[in-house]
Amino acid sequence: MAKETAGGTGITVALVASEFNYDVSMMMLDRAREEIAFLGARVGPIVKTPGVYDMPLAVKTLFERTAVDAVVVVGAVIEGETGHDEVVMNQAARKLTDLSVEYGRPVGLGVSGPGETRLQAQDRIENAAGAVRAVVKMVARLREIGEGSPSAPRSGGTR
């Protein structure tokens, strides 16, 4: 394993993993854990959901009940015979974005799909690490914004 870096010091990242397409999802979960350690961050709670569609509720609960700085979701939405994979991914991604904005904390989308084969999903396991890097960077940037002094109120004019 690579040497830890200081980029994630003081940052706790929770993980939510889909049990659907378990073989791919669990490899993504392992990869996300490795990347959190590599960045010097802490692994927070790990929650396994039945599927990707169930992830928003787990993320909301983590934000409400734990002191995590960010959450990364991992899983694979593999194409089936219907458009179900598109519905699942579109709805889950939209709600995860809404939760990030609502709670002011990053949610990393380490879910691959829709419209992919199992082989393509296996080739995209590294997406989990990319999602971890994104949330760690975003937490750091949000902290930078929060540490800055508030700008002086604008004078003159009406809206």
C-alpha atoms as a PDB file:
ATOM      1  CA  MET A   1       0.000   0.000   0.000  1.00  0.00           C
ATOM      2  CA  ALA A   2       1.184   3.520  -0.758  1.00  0.00           C
ATOM      3  CA  LYS A   3       2.448   5.883   1.888  1.00  0.00           C
ATOM      4  CA  GLU A   4      -0.257   7.975   3.573  1.00  0.00           C
ATOM      5  CA  THR A   5      -0.488  11.627   2.625  1.00  0.00           C
ATOM      6  CA  ALA A   6      -1.633  14.530   4.771  1.00  0.00           C
ATOM      7  CA  GLY A   7      -4.392  15.664   2.386  1.00  0.00           C
ATOM      8  CA  GLY A   8      -7.177  14.029   4.357  1.00  0.00           C
ATOM      9  CA  THR A   9      -5.998  14.713   7.895  1.00  0.00           C
ATOM     10  CA  GLY A  10      -8.954  15.417  10.177  1.00  0.00           C
ATOM     11  CA  ILE A  11     -11.525  14.303   7.621  1.00  0.00           C
ATOM     12  CA  THR A  12     -13.943  11.429   8.253  1.00  0.00           C
ATOM     13  CA  VAL A  13     -15.559   9.764   5.254  1.00  0.00           C
ATOM     14  CA  ALA A  14     -18.482   7.354   5.629  1.00  0.00           C
ATOM     15  CA  LEU A  15     -19.151   4.744   2.970  1.00  0.00           C
ATOM     16  CA  VAL A  16     -22.428   3.428   1.598  1.00  0.00           C
ATOM     17  CA  ALA A  17     -22.214   0.320  -0.579  1.00  0.00           C
ATOM     18  CA  SER A  18     -24.900  -1.387  -2.605  1.00  0.00           C
ATOM     19  CA  GLU A  19     -25.283  -5.132  -2.036  1.00  0.00           C
ATOM     20  CA  PHE A  20     -26.787  -5.515  -5.508  1.00  0.00           C
ATOM     21  CA  ASN A  21     -24.061  -6.666  -7.920  1.00  0.00           C
ATOM     22  CA  TYR A  22     -22.195  -7.631  -4.763  1.00  0.00           C
ATOM     23  CA  ASP A  23     -18.987  -8.810  -6.419  1.00  0.00           C
ATOM     24  CA  VAL A  24     -18.361  -5.435  -8.034  1.00  0.00           C
ATOM     25  CA  SER A  25     -19.685  -3.322  -5.162  1.00  0.00           C
ATOM     26  CA  MET A  26     -17.497  -4.977  -2.546  1.00  0.00           C
ATOM     27  CA  MET A  27     -14.377  -4.499  -4.674  1.00  0.00           C
ATOM     28  CA  MET A  28     -15.345  -0.826  -4.937  1.00  0.00           C
ATOM     29  CA  LEU A  29     -15.834  -0.654  -1.178  1.00  0.00           C
ATOM     30  CA  ASP A  30     -12.359  -2.099  -0.598  1.00  0.00           C
ATOM     31  CA  ARG A  31     -10.864   0.351  -3.091  1.00  0.00           C
ATOM     32  CA  ALA A  32     -12.597   3.293  -1.381  1.00  0.00           C
ATOM     33  CA  ARG A  33     -11.246   2.203   2.030  1.00  0.00           C
ATOM     34  CA  GLU A  34      -7.734   1.970   0.600  1.00  0.00           C
ATOM     35  CA  GLU A  35      -7.960   5.469  -0.862  1.00  0.00           C
ATOM     36  CA  ILE A  36      -9.265   6.964   2.392  1.00  0.00           C
ATOM     37  CA  ALA A  37      -6.261   5.491   4.233  1.00  0.00           C
ATOM     38  CA  PHE A  38      -3.865   6.616   1.497  1.00  0.00           C
ATOM     39  CA  LEU A  39      -5.109  10.198   1.830  1.00  0.00           C
ATOM     40  CA  GLY A  40      -4.698  10.130   5.609  1.00  0.00           C
ATOM     41  CA  ALA A  41      -8.432  10.478   6.292  1.00  0.00           C
ATOM     42  CA  ARG A  42     -10.528   8.308   8.617  1.00  0.00           C
ATOM     43  CA  VAL A  43     -13.056   5.711   7.537  1.00  0.00           C
ATOM     44  CA  GLY A  44     -16.385   6.496   9.176  1.00  0.00           C
ATOM     45  CA  PRO A  45     -19.377   4.208   9.388  1.00  0.00           C
ATOM     46  CA  ILE A  46     -19.923   1.742   6.560  1.00  0.00           C
ATOM     47  CA  VAL A  47     -23.524   1.058   5.583  1.00  0.00           C
ATOM     48  CA  LYS A  48     -24.602  -1.606   3.112  1.00  0.00           C
ATOM     49  CA  THR A  49     -27.890  -1.005   1.304  1.00  0.00           C
ATOM     50  CA  PRO A  50     -29.916  -3.506  -0.743  1.00  0.00           C
ATOM     51  CA  GLY A  51     -29.351  -1.429  -3.887  1.00  0.00           C
ATOM     52  CA  VAL A  52     -28.322   1.933  -5.287  1.00  0.00           C
ATOM     53  CA  TYR A  53     -31.907   3.207  -5.115  1.00  0.00           C
ATOM     54  CA  ASP A  54     -31.782   2.793  -1.315  1.00  0.00           C
ATOM     55  CA  MET A  55     -28.633   4.849  -0.822  1.00  0.00           C
ATOM     56  CA  PRO A  56     -30.162   8.315  -0.306  1.00  0.00           C
ATOM     57  CA  LEU A  57     -31.936   7.252   2.887  1.00  0.00           C
ATOM     58  CA  ALA A  58     -28.690   5.811   4.286  1.00  0.00           C
ATOM     59  CA  VAL A  59     -26.803   8.998   3.394  1.00  0.00           C
ATOM     60  CA  LYS A  60     -29.463  11.193   5.008  1.00  0.00           C
ATOM     61  CA  THR A  61     -29.353   9.099   8.176  1.00  0.00           C
ATOM     62  CA  LEU A  62     -25.541   9.293   8.305  1.00  0.00           C
ATOM     63  CA  PHE A  63     -25.635  13.072   7.967  1.00  0.00           C
ATOM     64  CA  GLU A  64     -28.281  13.389  10.678  1.00  0.00           C
ATOM     65  CA  ARG A  65     -26.872  10.934  13.207  1.00  0.00           C
ATOM     66  CA  THR A  66     -23.094  10.870  12.802  1.00  0.00           C
ATOM     67  CA  ALA A  67     -20.230  13.348  12.707  1.00  0.00           C
ATOM     68  CA  VAL A  68     -18.972  12.558   9.217  1.00  0.00           C
ATOM     69  CA  ASP A  69     -17.519  15.174   6.911  1.00  0.00           C
ATOM     70  CA  ALA A  70     -18.548  13.397   3.713  1.00  0.00           C
ATOM     71  CA  VAL A  71     -20.076  10.217   2.345  1.00  0.00           C
ATOM     72  CA  VAL A  72     -18.987   8.173  -0.655  1.00  0.00           C
ATOM     73  CA  VAL A  73     -21.490   5.821  -2.277  1.00  0.00           C
ATOM     74  CA  VAL A  74     -20.262   2.835  -4.283  1.00  0.00           C
ATOM     75  CA  GLY A  75     -21.987   0.301  -6.464  1.00  0.00           C
ATOM     76  CA  ALA A  76     -22.764  -0.687 -10.021  1.00  0.00           C
ATOM     77  CA  VAL A  77     -25.981  -0.202 -11.964  1.00  0.00           C
ATOM     78  CA  ILE A  78     -25.728  -2.790 -14.723  1.00  0.00           C
ATOM     79  CA  GLU A  79     -27.957  -2.677 -17.775  1.00  0.00           C
ATOM     80  CA  GLY A  80     -30.816  -5.151 -17.873  1.00  0.00           C
ATOM     81  CA  GLU A  81     -33.505  -5.908 -20.427  1.00  0.00           C
ATOM     82  CA  THR A  82     -35.526  -2.791 -19.564  1.00  0.00           C
ATOM     83  CA  GLY A  83     -34.737   0.859 -18.805  1.00  0.00           C
ATOM     84  CA  HIS A  84     -34.888   0.162 -15.070  1.00  0.00           C
ATOM     85  CA  ASP A  85     -31.156   0.847 -14.671  1.00  0.00           C
ATOM     86  CA  GLU A  86     -31.601   4.390 -15.979  1.00  0.00           C
ATOM     87  CA  VAL A  87     -34.495   5.107 -13.631  1.00  0.00           C
ATOM     88  CA  VAL A  88     -32.560   3.798 -10.621  1.00  0.00           C
ATOM     89  CA  MET A  89     -29.410   5.738 -11.410  1.00  0.00           C
ATOM     90  CA  ASN A  90     -31.119   8.994 -12.346  1.00  0.00           C
ATOM     91  CA  GLN A  91     -33.292   9.076  -9.232  1.00  0.00           C
ATOM     92  CA  ALA A  92     -30.520   8.052  -6.857  1.00  0.00           C
ATOM     93  CA  ALA A  93     -28.002  10.518  -8.308  1.00  0.00           C
ATOM     94  CA  ARG A  94     -30.481  13.382  -8.141  1.00  0.00           C
ATOM     95  CA  LYS A  95     -31.430  12.701  -4.526  1.00  0.00           C
ATOM     96  CA  LEU A  96     -27.794  12.249  -3.476  1.00  0.00           C
ATOM     97  CA  THR A  97     -27.002  15.653  -4.971  1.00  0.00           C
ATOM     98  CA  ASP A  98     -29.969  17.162  -3.131  1.00  0.00           C
ATOM     99  CA  LEU A  99     -28.729  15.697   0.168  1.00  0.00           C
ATOM    100  CA  SER A 100     -25.243  17.083  -0.350  1.00  0.00           C
ATOM    101  CA  VAL A 101     -26.618  20.572  -0.872  1.00  0.00           C
ATOM    102  CA  GLU A 102     -29.166  20.251   1.951  1.00  0.00           C
ATOM    103  CA  TYR A 103     -26.598  19.163   4.541  1.00  0.00           C
ATOM    104  CA  GLY A 104     -23.662  21.165   3.193  1.00  0.00           C
ATOM    105  CA  ARG A 105     -21.457  18.089   3.017  1.00  0.00           C
ATOM    106  CA  PRO A 106     -20.072  16.329  -0.049  1.00  0.00           C
ATOM    107  CA  VAL A 107     -21.471  13.069  -1.369  1.00  0.00           C
ATOM    108  CA  GLY A 108     -19.085  11.293  -3.706  1.00  0.00           C
ATOM    109  CA  LEU A 109     -20.724   9.357  -6.512  1.00  0.00           C
ATOM    110  CA  GLY A 110     -18.653   6.212  -6.851  1.00  0.00           C
ATOM    111  CA  VAL A 111     -21.498   4.362  -8.550  1.00  0.00           C
ATOM    112  CA  SER A 112     -20.927   3.281 -12.127  1.00  0.00           C
ATOM    113  CA  GLY A 113     -23.697   2.971 -14.688  1.00  0.00           C
ATOM    114  CA  PRO A 114     -26.324   2.979 -16.036  1.00  0.00           C
ATOM    115  CA  GLY A 115     -26.056   1.204 -19.358  1.00  0.00           C
ATOM    116  CA  GLU A 116     -22.970  -0.811 -18.572  1.00  0.00           C
ATOM    117  CA  THR A 117     -22.203  -4.507 -18.734  1.00  0.00           C
ATOM    118  CA  ARG A 118     -20.789  -6.482 -15.811  1.00  0.00           C
ATOM    119  CA  LEU A 119     -17.365  -6.425 -17.489  1.00  0.00           C
ATOM    120  CA  GLN A 120     -17.527  -2.633 -17.874  1.00  0.00           C
ATOM    121  CA  ALA A 121     -18.550  -2.334 -14.217  1.00  0.00           C
ATOM    122  CA  GLN A 122     -15.518  -4.379 -13.178  1.00  0.00           C
ATOM    123  CA  ASP A 123     -13.302  -2.102 -15.271  1.00  0.00           C
ATOM    124  CA  ARG A 124     -14.673   0.925 -13.378  1.00  0.00           C
ATOM    125  CA  ILE A 125     -13.860  -0.154  -9.819  1.00  0.00           C
ATOM    126  CA  GLU A 126     -11.367   2.723  -9.658  1.00  0.00           C
ATOM    127  CA  ASN A 127     -14.368   5.119  -9.713  1.00  0.00           C
ATOM    128  CA  ALA A 128     -14.583   4.474  -5.965  1.00  0.00           C
ATOM    129  CA  ALA A 129     -11.128   5.960  -5.390  1.00  0.00           C
ATOM    130  CA  GLY A 130     -11.969   8.942  -7.579  1.00  0.00           C
ATOM    131  CA  ALA A 131     -15.078   9.638  -5.523  1.00  0.00           C
ATOM    132  CA  VAL A 132     -13.017   9.527  -2.307  1.00  0.00           C
ATOM    133  CA  ARG A 133     -10.450  11.953  -3.724  1.00  0.00           C
ATOM    134  CA  ALA A 134     -13.247  14.316  -4.775  1.00  0.00           C
ATOM    135  CA  VAL A 135     -14.954  14.445  -1.371  1.00  0.00           C
ATOM    136  CA  VAL A 136     -11.698  14.866   0.549  1.00  0.00           C
ATOM    137  CA  LYS A 137     -10.750  17.737  -1.738  1.00  0.00           C
ATOM    138  CA  MET A 138     -14.220  19.264  -1.438  1.00  0.00           C
ATOM    139  CA  VAL A 139     -14.211  19.086   2.375  1.00  0.00           C
ATOM    140  CA  ALA A 140     -10.855  20.860   2.391  1.00  0.00           C
ATOM    141  CA  ARG A 141     -12.148  23.542   0.016  1.00  0.00           C
ATOM    142  CA  LEU A 142     -15.312  24.069   2.061  1.00  0.00           C
ATOM    143  CA  ARG A 143     -13.192  24.465   5.177  1.00  0.00           C
ATOM    144  CA  GLU A 144     -11.081  27.079   3.382  1.00  0.00           C
ATOM    145  CA  ILE A 145     -14.229  29.021   2.510  1.00  0.00           C
ATOM    146  CA  GLY A 146     -15.491  28.762   6.094  1.00  0.00           C
ATOM    147  CA  GLU A 147     -12.198  30.015   7.557  1.00  0.00           C
ATOM    148  CA  GLY A 148     -12.163  33.132   5.390  1.00  0.00           C
ATOM    149  CA  SER A 149     -13.484  36.359   6.782  1.00  0.00           C
ATOM    150  CA  PRO A 150     -16.901  37.445   5.626  1.00  0.00           C
ATOM    151  CA  SER A 151     -16.733  40.018   2.874  1.00  0.00           C
ATOM    152  CA  ALA A 152     -17.766  43.549   3.639  1.00  0.00           C
ATOM    153  CA  PRO A 153     -21.365  44.359   2.775  1.00  0.00           C
ATOM    154  CA  ARG A 154     -21.849  46.106  -0.520  1.00  0.00           C
ATOM    155  CA  SER A 155     -22.801  49.709  -0.298  1.00  0.00           C
ATOM    156  CA  GLY A 156     -25.198  51.679  -2.404  1.00  0.00           C
ATOM    157  CA  GLY A 157     -27.936  50.651  -4.739  1.00  0.00           C
ATOM    158  CA  THR A 158     -31.086  48.682  -4.198  1.00  0.00           C
ATOM    159  CA  ARG A 159     -32.172  45.397  -5.530  1.00  0.00           C
END
